[in-house]
Amino acid sequence: MAQREKIALVVTGGQVGTQFNKESKSLQPTVTSQQMISWLPESMTGRIVPMDWSHQPSSHYSMRMTFDLVQILAKTVIDGASGVVVSCGTDTMEEMAYLTDLYWSYPQPVVFTGSTMPSDGLGADAAANLYQAVLAAAAEETWGMGVLVCVQEQLFAASEVTETECQRKSAFSAPGRGPIGQFIADRVDILRQPIRSRIVSDNPPARDVELLYATLGGGDDLLEMLSSDKKRKLEGVVISAFGSGSVPPSWIPHIKKIIKDGVSVVVTSRCHQGHTSPGGQTFEGSFSRLLELGVLDGGHLRPVQARIKLAVALGAELKGGALQQYLLEG
């Protein structure tokens, strides 16, 4: 496995950078990038260029903050990095990695990694995940693959990965797809190439895009608030619908109003491996009826992905057919 030279390590916070503090009896974000480098073999440390960008939980991030992170990552490759490792909290890692992938136009790989345990916890996986993330970022085999997530001896595409556990080390998977790579000893073994969306813009994502899940008899009040709030500039709404795309019939008047006000509405499935489809159903609230109202088809996108992709598309000022095409590709 041929390797490239300079690898940037950008610390953004999360459990991977925490240690237990005996005085406060709590986990504290005290681990610096230099300390993380000390976890690595000496043969690797001289190639790492560290950056302590942030030490906050990933649940504190927003899409706009993640967009700022993308600019930081881009600067590292402009300055000569051959690959980038991002240490990140697992709470929103899949969203941060996916948003980064939608903007990443460079051939140098970006590899997100983290840990479900504090770095000094018994059986912690922080050091092993970091080591393998550096291996992946330095490997020629990952060149041009965009943004990846490295956990537990596996590599996942940012467009496919999701957190399926919150307590186990094997917290991430790609349902229906599986990993795109694995580690055999110190070698990166690529199993397949990820399918990525094209880069449509370097504009920041839209700020006000909401996500609403369809639930048994619920959601009407939330939709009414969204459709009647004149103080905010709502730009987009993603509806995580039942099954292949249906919603309660009581939602229809609110959805009509939101669309009439010029807000883009995307419908996707709340199922873990779902895909929207009319399926010949024409009842009130069915996906086919929603399409007649003017909603956009979210296809196979998971709800959180659809929200991010819609925000990126709106930031790029995509409309109509171009917006719909972008949502369905990749």
Protein backbone atom coordinates (compact mmCIF):
# COMPACT_ATOMS: atom_id res chain seq x y z
CA MET A 1 0.00 0.00 0.00
CA ALA A 2 1.70 3.14 -1.22
CA GLN A 3 1.40 6.13 1.09
CA ARG A 4 1.45 9.86 0.61
CA GLU A 5 3.34 12.26 2.82
CA LYS A 6 1.67 15.01 4.84
CA ILE A 7 -1.58 14.23 6.71
CA ALA A 8 -3.61 16.92 8.46
CA LEU A 9 -5.30 16.05 11.77
CA VAL A 10 -8.17 18.43 12.51
CA VAL A 11 -9.70 18.11 15.98
CA THR A 12 -13.36 19.13 16.21
CA GLY A 13 -14.28 17.69 19.61
CA GLY A 14 -16.42 14.79 20.73
CA GLN A 15 -15.97 11.80 23.01
CA VAL A 16 -12.71 10.84 21.31
CA GLY A 17 -11.09 13.93 22.85
CA THR A 18 -12.41 13.48 26.39
CA GLN A 19 -10.92 12.06 29.56
CA PHE A 20 -12.38 11.47 33.00
CA ASN A 21 -11.66 14.26 35.47
CA LYS A 22 -11.55 13.01 39.07
CA GLU A 23 -12.20 16.43 40.62
CA SER A 24 -15.34 17.20 38.63
CA LYS A 25 -16.26 13.51 38.32
CA SER A 26 -17.13 14.07 34.68
CA LEU A 27 -15.70 13.75 31.20
CA GLN A 28 -13.77 16.81 30.08
CA PRO A 29 -12.56 17.70 26.54
CA THR A 30 -8.91 17.98 27.52
CA VAL A 31 -7.21 15.89 24.81
CA THR A 32 -5.29 18.02 22.32
CA SER A 33 -4.22 17.12 18.81
CA GLN A 34 -0.64 16.70 20.06
CA GLN A 35 -1.81 14.17 22.63
CA MET A 36 -3.69 12.29 19.92
CA ILE A 37 -0.54 12.17 17.83
CA SER A 38 1.22 10.51 20.79
CA TRP A 39 -1.19 7.58 20.42
CA LEU A 40 0.30 6.80 17.01
CA PRO A 41 3.48 4.84 16.15
CA GLU A 42 6.63 6.96 15.94
CA SER A 43 7.00 6.08 12.27
CA MET A 44 3.74 7.91 11.62
CA THR A 45 3.91 10.94 13.92
CA GLY A 46 6.34 13.00 11.86
CA ARG A 47 3.88 13.15 8.97
CA ILE A 48 0.96 14.54 10.98
CA VAL A 49 0.12 18.25 10.87
CA PRO A 50 -2.16 18.95 13.88
CA MET A 51 -4.90 21.54 14.23
CA ASP A 52 -7.09 22.06 17.31
CA TRP A 53 -10.11 23.66 15.65
CA SER A 54 -12.69 22.94 18.35
CA HIS A 55 -13.27 20.81 21.45
CA GLN A 56 -17.06 20.87 21.67
CA PRO A 57 -19.61 18.06 21.40
CA SER A 58 -20.80 17.39 17.86
CA SER A 59 -24.36 18.04 19.07
CA HIS A 60 -23.36 21.72 19.35
CA TYR A 61 -22.62 22.03 15.64
CA SER A 62 -24.87 23.40 12.90
CA MET A 63 -24.78 23.07 9.12
CA ARG A 64 -23.27 26.53 8.83
CA MET A 65 -20.53 25.65 11.34
CA THR A 66 -19.83 22.45 9.45
CA PHE A 67 -19.57 24.49 6.25
CA ASP A 68 -16.94 26.59 8.01
CA LEU A 69 -15.14 23.35 8.86
CA VAL A 70 -15.15 22.41 5.17
CA GLN A 71 -13.27 25.63 4.42
CA ILE A 72 -10.68 24.73 7.07
CA LEU A 73 -10.25 21.25 5.58
CA ALA A 74 -9.89 22.70 2.09
CA LYS A 75 -7.14 25.01 3.29
CA THR A 76 -5.15 22.07 4.65
CA VAL A 77 -5.01 20.43 1.22
CA ILE A 78 -4.29 23.75 -0.49
CA ASP A 79 -1.38 24.07 1.93
CA GLY A 80 -0.05 20.68 0.90
CA ALA A 81 -1.82 17.96 2.91
CA SER A 82 -2.20 14.70 1.01
CA GLY A 83 -5.11 13.62 3.17
CA VAL A 84 -7.15 14.82 6.14
CA VAL A 85 -8.30 13.11 9.33
CA VAL A 86 -11.12 14.73 11.31
CA SER A 87 -11.64 13.64 14.92
CA CYS A 88 -15.30 14.18 15.63
CA GLY A 89 -18.11 13.40 18.04
CA THR A 90 -20.29 10.49 16.97
CA ASP A 91 -23.65 12.19 17.67
CA THR A 92 -23.74 14.07 14.36
CA MET A 93 -20.74 12.54 12.60
CA GLU A 94 -22.83 11.05 9.79
CA GLU A 95 -24.40 14.44 9.06
CA MET A 96 -21.15 16.39 9.27
CA ALA A 97 -19.38 13.87 7.03
CA TYR A 98 -22.23 13.86 4.51
CA LEU A 99 -22.38 17.65 4.28
CA THR A 100 -18.61 17.76 3.84
CA ASP A 101 -18.84 15.17 1.05
CA LEU A 102 -21.41 17.28 -0.83
CA TYR A 103 -18.88 20.13 -0.96
CA TRP A 104 -15.60 18.20 -1.26
CA SER A 105 -14.14 18.71 -4.75
CA TYR A 106 -10.55 17.68 -4.01
CA PRO A 107 -9.02 14.27 -4.76
CA GLN A 108 -7.42 14.14 -1.31
CA PRO A 109 -9.50 11.97 1.04
CA VAL A 110 -11.14 13.27 4.20
CA VAL A 111 -11.58 10.62 6.89
CA PHE A 112 -13.85 11.27 9.87
CA THR A 113 -13.28 9.18 12.97
CA GLY A 114 -14.29 9.19 16.61
CA SER A 115 -15.01 7.00 19.58
CA THR A 116 -18.04 5.89 21.57
CA MET A 117 -15.88 5.87 24.70
CA PRO A 118 -13.60 8.43 26.35
CA SER A 119 -9.99 8.04 25.27
CA ASP A 120 -8.88 6.84 28.72
CA GLY A 121 -11.80 4.46 29.26
CA LEU A 122 -11.26 0.74 29.73
CA GLY A 123 -11.23 -0.83 26.27
CA ALA A 124 -11.34 2.54 24.51
CA ASP A 125 -11.22 2.42 20.71
CA ALA A 126 -10.03 6.01 20.22
CA ALA A 127 -6.38 5.25 19.47
CA ALA A 128 -7.12 2.33 17.14
CA ASN A 129 -9.72 4.31 15.18
CA LEU A 130 -7.36 7.26 14.84
CA TYR A 131 -4.51 5.04 13.68
CA GLN A 132 -6.62 3.40 11.00
CA ALA A 133 -8.08 6.75 9.93
CA VAL A 134 -4.53 8.01 9.32
CA LEU A 135 -3.75 4.85 7.36
CA ALA A 136 -6.80 5.49 5.19
CA ALA A 137 -6.03 9.18 4.68
CA ALA A 138 -2.47 8.30 3.66
CA ALA A 139 -3.35 5.48 1.27
CA GLU A 140 -3.29 6.04 -2.48
CA GLU A 141 -6.24 3.65 -2.72
CA THR A 142 -8.56 6.23 -1.13
CA TRP A 143 -7.57 9.01 -3.54
CA GLY A 144 -10.69 10.46 -5.19
CA MET A 145 -13.13 8.67 -2.89
CA GLY A 146 -14.32 11.84 -1.19
CA VAL A 147 -15.28 11.76 2.47
CA LEU A 148 -15.11 8.54 4.47
CA VAL A 149 -15.88 7.44 8.02
CA CYS A 150 -13.42 5.12 9.76
CA VAL A 151 -14.55 3.05 12.76
CA GLN A 152 -13.83 -0.44 14.04
CA GLU A 153 -11.53 -1.59 11.23
CA GLN A 154 -13.97 -0.52 8.53
CA LEU A 155 -14.34 2.37 6.09
CA PHE A 156 -17.76 3.69 5.17
CA ALA A 157 -18.83 6.16 2.49
CA ALA A 158 -20.18 9.40 3.94
CA SER A 159 -23.18 9.03 1.63
CA GLU A 160 -24.11 5.66 3.14
CA VAL A 161 -23.05 5.55 6.78
CA THR A 162 -25.38 5.96 9.73
CA GLU A 163 -25.11 5.51 13.49
CA THR A 164 -27.11 2.43 14.43
CA GLU A 165 -25.89 2.05 18.02
CA CYS A 166 -25.03 4.58 20.71
CA GLN A 167 -23.25 2.46 23.33
CA ARG A 168 -21.30 -0.14 21.37
CA LYS A 169 -17.99 0.38 19.62
CA SER A 170 -19.53 -0.93 16.39
CA ALA A 171 -21.84 2.06 16.35
CA PHE A 172 -21.80 2.74 12.60
CA SER A 173 -22.94 0.76 9.59
CA ALA A 174 -24.28 1.24 6.08
CA PRO A 175 -27.59 -0.67 5.99
CA GLY A 176 -28.07 -2.50 2.71
CA ARG A 177 -24.63 -1.43 1.47
CA GLY A 178 -21.92 -2.38 3.96
CA PRO A 179 -18.43 -0.88 4.23
CA ILE A 180 -16.50 0.32 1.20
CA GLY A 181 -13.21 -0.76 2.75
CA GLN A 182 -11.59 -2.66 5.58
CA PHE A 183 -8.21 -2.98 7.26
CA ILE A 184 -6.06 -6.08 7.00
CA ALA A 185 -3.14 -5.60 9.38
CA ASP A 186 -1.71 -2.23 8.27
CA ARG A 187 -3.21 -2.35 4.79
CA VAL A 188 -6.33 -0.63 3.49
CA ASP A 189 -8.41 -3.05 1.45
CA ILE A 190 -10.93 -1.23 -0.77
CA LEU A 191 -14.02 -3.33 -1.50
CA ARG A 192 -15.85 -0.96 -3.86
CA GLN A 193 -16.04 2.66 -4.95
CA PRO A 194 -18.64 4.94 -3.32
CA ILE A 195 -21.28 6.64 -5.45
CA ARG A 196 -21.11 10.38 -4.85
CA SER A 197 -23.29 13.33 -5.82
CA ARG A 198 -21.77 15.96 -8.08
CA ILE A 199 -20.55 19.19 -6.52
CA VAL A 200 -23.07 21.91 -7.39
CA SER A 201 -21.78 24.92 -5.50
CA ASP A 202 -19.38 26.33 -2.95
CA ASN A 203 -22.10 28.58 -1.53
CA PRO A 204 -23.04 27.98 2.12
CA PRO A 205 -26.13 25.84 2.78
CA ALA A 206 -29.52 27.40 3.41
CA ARG A 207 -30.00 28.25 7.07
CA ASP A 208 -33.65 27.43 7.70
CA VAL A 209 -34.50 23.90 6.58
CA GLU A 210 -36.63 21.83 8.94
CA LEU A 211 -37.28 18.10 9.29
CA LEU A 212 -40.60 16.65 10.46
CA TYR A 213 -41.31 12.97 11.09
CA ALA A 214 -44.71 11.48 10.35
CA THR A 215 -46.06 9.73 13.43
CA LEU A 216 -49.31 8.02 14.36
CA GLY A 217 -51.83 10.87 14.54
CA GLY A 218 -49.18 13.48 15.31
CA GLY A 219 -47.46 16.45 13.75
CA ASP A 220 -50.42 18.69 12.88
CA ASP A 221 -49.57 21.40 15.39
CA LEU A 222 -45.91 21.47 14.34
CA LEU A 223 -46.85 21.77 10.67
CA GLU A 224 -49.33 24.51 11.45
CA MET A 225 -46.65 26.47 13.29
CA LEU A 226 -44.28 26.08 10.35
CA SER A 227 -46.90 27.18 7.84
CA SER A 228 -48.16 30.17 9.83
CA ASP A 229 -44.95 31.65 11.28
CA LYS A 230 -44.46 34.92 9.40
CA LYS A 231 -41.42 36.00 11.43
CA ARG A 232 -39.05 33.38 10.04
CA LYS A 233 -37.78 32.87 6.52
CA LEU A 234 -38.44 29.17 6.14
CA GLU A 235 -36.54 27.91 3.08
CA GLY A 236 -37.22 24.20 3.05
CA VAL A 237 -39.02 21.37 4.80
CA VAL A 238 -38.23 17.66 4.70
CA ILE A 239 -41.04 15.30 5.60
CA SER A 240 -40.02 11.87 6.83
CA ALA A 241 -43.11 10.03 5.69
CA PHE A 242 -44.65 6.66 6.45
CA GLY A 243 -43.59 3.73 4.28
CA SER A 244 -43.04 4.74 0.67
CA GLY A 245 -44.12 8.34 1.19
CA SER A 246 -47.55 8.78 2.76
CA VAL A 247 -48.62 11.24 5.47
CA PRO A 248 -51.75 11.79 7.58
CA PRO A 249 -54.50 13.46 5.49
CA SER A 250 -54.74 16.23 8.10
CA TRP A 251 -51.28 17.37 6.99
CA ILE A 252 -52.37 18.20 3.45
CA PRO A 253 -53.74 21.75 4.05
CA HIS A 254 -50.54 22.72 5.86
CA ILE A 255 -48.31 21.25 3.14
CA LYS A 256 -50.33 23.09 0.49
CA LYS A 257 -49.83 26.38 2.30
CA ILE A 258 -46.10 25.84 2.77
CA ILE A 259 -45.65 25.09 -0.95
CA LYS A 260 -47.84 28.06 -1.91
CA ASP A 261 -45.52 30.29 0.14
CA GLY A 262 -42.63 29.22 -2.09
CA VAL A 263 -40.99 26.81 0.36
CA SER A 264 -39.43 23.64 -1.06
CA VAL A 265 -40.91 20.48 0.48
CA VAL A 266 -39.10 17.14 0.12
CA VAL A 267 -40.73 13.83 1.02
CA THR A 268 -38.63 10.82 1.96
CA SER A 269 -39.26 7.58 3.83
CA ARG A 270 -38.77 7.17 7.56
CA CYS A 271 -37.90 3.48 7.02
CA HIS A 272 -34.26 2.58 7.68
CA GLN A 273 -33.81 1.29 4.12
CA GLY A 274 -36.76 3.09 2.61
CA HIS A 275 -37.44 4.57 -0.82
CA THR A 276 -40.33 6.73 -1.92
CA SER A 277 -42.70 5.27 -4.52
CA PRO A 278 -46.27 6.03 -5.65
CA GLY A 279 -47.00 2.29 -5.82
CA GLY A 280 -50.40 2.86 -7.45
CA GLN A 281 -51.83 4.37 -4.25
CA THR A 282 -54.02 7.45 -4.69
CA PHE A 283 -55.61 7.92 -1.25
CA GLU A 284 -55.47 11.30 0.47
CA GLY A 285 -51.99 11.76 1.88
CA SER A 286 -50.42 9.17 -0.43
CA PHE A 287 -47.12 9.91 -2.13
CA SER A 288 -48.75 10.20 -5.55
CA ARG A 289 -51.14 12.85 -4.21
CA LEU A 290 -48.27 14.68 -2.55
CA LEU A 291 -46.42 14.77 -5.88
CA GLU A 292 -49.51 16.35 -7.43
CA LEU A 293 -49.29 19.09 -4.80
CA GLY A 294 -45.73 19.86 -5.88
CA VAL A 295 -43.53 18.15 -3.30
CA LEU A 296 -40.07 16.98 -4.29
CA ASP A 297 -39.12 13.31 -4.31
CA GLY A 298 -36.42 12.42 -1.77
CA GLY A 299 -35.90 8.96 -3.26
CA HIS A 300 -33.61 6.77 -1.18
CA LEU A 301 -32.25 9.58 1.00
CA ARG A 302 -32.56 9.12 4.72
CA PRO A 303 -34.44 12.03 6.34
CA VAL A 304 -31.34 13.67 7.84
CA GLN A 305 -29.57 13.32 4.50
CA ALA A 306 -32.48 14.86 2.63
CA ARG A 307 -32.40 17.88 4.94
CA ILE A 308 -28.69 18.42 4.36
CA LYS A 309 -28.87 17.89 0.61
CA LEU A 310 -31.87 20.22 0.31
CA ALA A 311 -30.00 22.90 2.27
CA VAL A 312 -26.97 22.55 -0.02
CA ALA A 313 -29.19 22.68 -3.11
CA LEU A 314 -31.06 25.77 -1.92
CA GLY A 315 -27.76 27.42 -1.09
CA ALA A 316 -26.74 26.72 -4.70
CA GLU A 317 -30.04 28.30 -5.83
CA LEU A 318 -31.20 25.12 -7.57
CA LYS A 319 -34.88 25.14 -8.49
CA GLY A 320 -37.48 23.04 -10.25
CA GLY A 321 -36.16 20.15 -12.31
CA ALA A 322 -32.53 20.87 -11.48
CA LEU A 323 -33.31 20.66 -7.76
CA GLN A 324 -35.26 17.43 -8.20
CA GLN A 325 -32.49 15.86 -10.29
CA TYR A 326 -29.85 16.72 -7.70
CA LEU A 327 -31.87 15.19 -4.87
CA LEU A 328 -32.18 11.88 -6.70
CA GLU A 329 -28.60 11.49 -7.89
CA GLY A 330 -25.77 9.85 -6.02
